[in-house]
Amino acid sequence: MRLRPQLALPLGTLMLIITACSQGPGPSPDTPELRLEKAREMARVEIAGGGLDMALDLGAELGVEAAGVNLEATLGRELTGEERAAAAAIIRATIAEFLTPEAWTEAVAGVYAAHFSPDELDAAIHFYSSPTGAKILSLHATLNDDVGAATEAILGADLEAFISRVDEALAARFPELKETS
């Protein structure tokens, strides 16, 4: 009397099946369509984390720097802090008319799809959708500023030596600089 059926598979085949089942699904097919789909999903995660807002803020900041020179020349005076803020708001709003969430998603998705596989994008989506990933996205501008300040502090600690080394290296590479000094 048999209560349990006997497996007729060789042990090697059984181990292969168990291993394959325990690893979950295999890699996603790497097609342009799937890359773009996953890249769009990643771009939407970034928008939710404030990525588009940061891009608009940066664009406004750069716009004020570029337009501020001409504006000050036309006005014949320096802009006040309030005027700079007003100009930044105008530039940001204008950029936002063109850089819509849809346009930003497509632009960013195209870049990501060109550089990442569907599985890599899935991993990024998973991470940036987590609390830690969302925090990194939300603090991106602050982190960049803080890292920039820390880097400046390192270089600034011995600024004269840094400038001297750069000047020497540039003069060695561009001999005509020596003649103008």
Protein backbone atom coordinates (compact mmCIF):
# COMPACT_ATOMS: atom_id res chain seq x y z
CA MET A 1 0.00 0.00 0.00
CA ARG A 2 1.46 3.35 -1.07
CA LEU A 3 0.43 6.48 0.74
CA ARG A 4 2.92 8.79 -0.94
CA PRO A 5 3.63 8.83 -4.64
CA GLN A 6 7.27 8.42 -5.50
CA LEU A 7 9.01 11.12 -7.52
CA ALA A 8 10.43 9.76 -10.71
CA LEU A 9 12.65 12.82 -11.33
CA PRO A 10 16.41 12.56 -10.94
CA LEU A 11 17.75 14.50 -7.95
CA GLY A 12 19.64 16.98 -10.19
CA THR A 13 16.45 17.87 -12.08
CA LEU A 14 14.54 18.26 -8.82
CA MET A 15 17.24 20.57 -7.39
CA LEU A 16 17.16 22.66 -10.58
CA ILE A 17 13.38 23.07 -10.29
CA ILE A 18 13.59 23.99 -6.59
CA THR A 19 16.38 26.50 -7.27
CA ALA A 20 14.49 28.09 -10.16
CA CYS A 21 11.29 28.38 -8.14
CA SER A 22 13.03 29.85 -5.11
CA GLN A 23 14.71 32.61 -7.13
CA GLY A 24 11.43 34.16 -8.25
CA PRO A 25 10.82 35.35 -11.76
CA GLY A 26 13.76 35.71 -14.10
CA PRO A 27 14.98 38.98 -15.54
CA SER A 28 12.51 41.13 -17.42
CA PRO A 29 12.84 41.16 -21.19
CA ASP A 30 14.99 44.12 -22.18
CA THR A 31 12.89 45.78 -24.86
CA PRO A 32 12.78 49.50 -25.73
CA GLU A 33 9.08 49.54 -24.87
CA LEU A 34 9.58 48.03 -21.42
CA ARG A 35 12.55 50.31 -20.71
CA LEU A 36 10.44 53.35 -21.55
CA GLU A 37 7.49 52.10 -19.49
CA LYS A 38 9.70 51.54 -16.43
CA ALA A 39 11.55 54.82 -17.03
CA ARG A 40 8.22 56.70 -17.07
CA GLU A 41 7.29 55.02 -13.80
CA MET A 42 10.63 56.13 -12.30
CA ALA A 43 10.06 59.69 -13.54
CA ARG A 44 6.62 59.72 -11.86
CA VAL A 45 8.23 58.54 -8.60
CA GLU A 46 10.68 61.44 -8.89
CA ILE A 47 7.86 63.93 -9.52
CA ALA A 48 6.10 62.65 -6.40
CA GLY A 49 9.37 63.10 -4.50
CA GLY A 50 9.72 66.70 -5.63
CA GLY A 51 12.10 66.22 -8.56
CA LEU A 52 10.17 68.42 -10.96
CA ASP A 53 9.75 71.15 -8.36
CA MET A 54 13.50 71.10 -7.73
CA ALA A 55 14.15 71.36 -11.48
CA LEU A 56 11.78 74.34 -11.71
CA ASP A 57 13.45 76.00 -8.72
CA LEU A 58 16.90 75.48 -10.22
CA GLY A 59 15.73 76.81 -13.56
CA ALA A 60 14.35 79.91 -11.86
CA GLU A 61 17.58 80.42 -9.94
CA LEU A 62 19.68 80.11 -13.10
CA GLY A 63 17.23 82.33 -14.98
CA VAL A 64 17.48 85.09 -12.39
CA GLU A 65 21.27 84.91 -12.55
CA ALA A 66 21.24 85.21 -16.33
CA ALA A 67 18.38 87.73 -16.68
CA GLY A 68 19.32 89.66 -13.55
CA VAL A 69 22.43 91.11 -15.18
CA ASN A 70 20.41 92.51 -18.08
CA LEU A 71 17.59 93.62 -15.81
CA GLU A 72 19.97 95.47 -13.51
CA ALA A 73 21.69 97.10 -16.50
CA THR A 74 18.34 98.22 -17.89
CA LEU A 75 17.14 99.50 -14.51
CA GLY A 76 20.50 101.07 -13.78
CA ARG A 77 20.64 99.59 -10.29
CA GLU A 78 20.94 96.34 -8.36
CA LEU A 79 17.81 94.34 -7.71
CA THR A 80 16.53 94.16 -4.16
CA GLY A 81 15.96 90.79 -2.52
CA GLU A 82 12.21 91.15 -3.05
CA GLU A 83 12.70 92.03 -6.71
CA ARG A 84 14.98 89.03 -7.20
CA ALA A 85 12.36 86.80 -5.58
CA ALA A 86 9.64 88.28 -7.83
CA ALA A 87 11.80 87.74 -10.93
CA ALA A 88 12.49 84.14 -9.84
CA ALA A 89 8.76 83.52 -9.37
CA ILE A 90 8.01 84.92 -12.83
CA ILE A 91 10.74 82.81 -14.45
CA ARG A 92 9.69 79.67 -12.54
CA ALA A 93 6.04 80.08 -13.56
CA THR A 94 7.06 80.59 -17.17
CA ILE A 95 9.33 77.53 -17.15
CA ALA A 96 6.46 75.52 -15.64
CA GLU A 97 4.24 76.42 -18.60
CA PHE A 98 6.66 74.57 -20.86
CA LEU A 99 8.18 72.04 -18.48
CA THR A 100 4.90 70.34 -17.57
CA PRO A 101 4.82 67.10 -15.59
CA GLU A 102 4.07 65.25 -18.83
CA ALA A 103 6.94 66.88 -20.75
CA TRP A 104 9.33 66.32 -17.84
CA THR A 105 8.26 62.68 -17.53
CA GLU A 106 8.92 62.03 -21.22
CA ALA A 107 12.28 63.83 -21.19
CA VAL A 108 13.53 62.08 -18.05
CA ALA A 109 12.12 58.73 -19.18
CA GLY A 110 14.02 58.98 -22.45
CA VAL A 111 17.27 59.57 -20.61
CA TYR A 112 16.68 56.74 -18.12
CA ALA A 113 15.56 54.32 -20.81
CA ALA A 114 18.80 54.97 -22.69
CA HIS A 115 20.96 54.11 -19.67
CA PHE A 116 19.08 51.56 -17.54
CA SER A 117 17.54 48.13 -18.11
CA PRO A 118 13.97 47.39 -16.99
CA ASP A 119 15.30 45.42 -14.00
CA GLU A 120 17.61 48.28 -12.97
CA LEU A 121 14.71 50.72 -13.24
CA ASP A 122 12.52 48.37 -11.17
CA ALA A 123 15.20 48.34 -8.47
CA ALA A 124 15.40 52.15 -8.52
CA ILE A 125 11.60 52.47 -8.41
CA HIS A 126 11.49 50.05 -5.48
CA PHE A 127 14.20 51.95 -3.60
CA TYR A 128 12.93 55.48 -4.26
CA SER A 129 9.39 54.40 -3.35
CA SER A 130 10.66 53.25 0.05
CA PRO A 131 10.71 55.68 3.00
CA THR A 132 14.50 56.04 2.75
CA GLY A 133 14.44 56.59 -1.00
CA ALA A 134 11.61 59.11 -0.70
CA LYS A 135 13.60 60.96 1.97
CA ILE A 136 16.65 61.12 -0.30
CA LEU A 137 14.50 62.53 -3.11
CA SER A 138 12.89 65.10 -0.83
CA LEU A 139 16.27 66.19 0.54
CA HIS A 140 18.11 66.15 -2.79
CA ALA A 141 18.64 69.93 -3.00
CA THR A 142 19.63 70.15 0.67
CA LEU A 143 22.03 67.23 0.33
CA ASN A 144 23.62 68.80 -2.74
CA ASP A 145 24.02 72.12 -0.92
CA ASP A 146 25.48 70.45 2.17
CA VAL A 147 27.91 68.32 0.15
CA GLY A 148 28.91 71.43 -1.80
CA ALA A 149 29.54 73.34 1.43
CA ALA A 150 31.58 70.46 2.85
CA THR A 151 33.64 70.30 -0.35
CA GLU A 152 34.18 74.06 -0.32
CA ALA A 153 35.35 73.81 3.29
CA ILE A 154 37.94 71.21 2.34
CA LEU A 155 39.26 73.29 -0.56
CA GLY A 156 38.91 76.55 1.35
CA ALA A 157 41.00 75.28 4.26
CA ASP A 158 44.08 75.78 2.11
CA LEU A 159 42.69 77.95 -0.67
CA GLU A 160 45.97 79.68 -1.53
CA ALA A 161 47.75 76.37 -2.07
CA PHE A 162 44.82 75.08 -4.13
CA ILE A 163 44.78 78.17 -6.37
CA SER A 164 48.56 78.03 -6.74
CA ARG A 165 48.46 74.37 -7.81
CA VAL A 166 45.73 75.03 -10.36
CA ASP A 167 47.58 78.07 -11.73
CA GLU A 168 50.83 76.08 -12.05
CA ALA A 169 49.12 73.16 -13.79
CA LEU A 170 47.24 75.46 -16.19
CA ALA A 171 50.44 77.39 -16.98
CA ALA A 172 52.23 74.11 -17.70
CA ARG A 173 49.44 73.01 -20.04
CA PHE A 174 48.93 76.43 -21.65
CA PRO A 175 52.36 78.10 -21.95
CA GLU A 176 50.80 81.27 -23.33
CA LEU A 177 49.36 81.89 -19.83
CA LYS A 178 52.91 82.37 -18.51
CA GLU A 179 53.40 85.19 -21.00
CA THR A 180 50.34 87.13 -19.78
CA SER A 181 51.24 86.93 -16.09
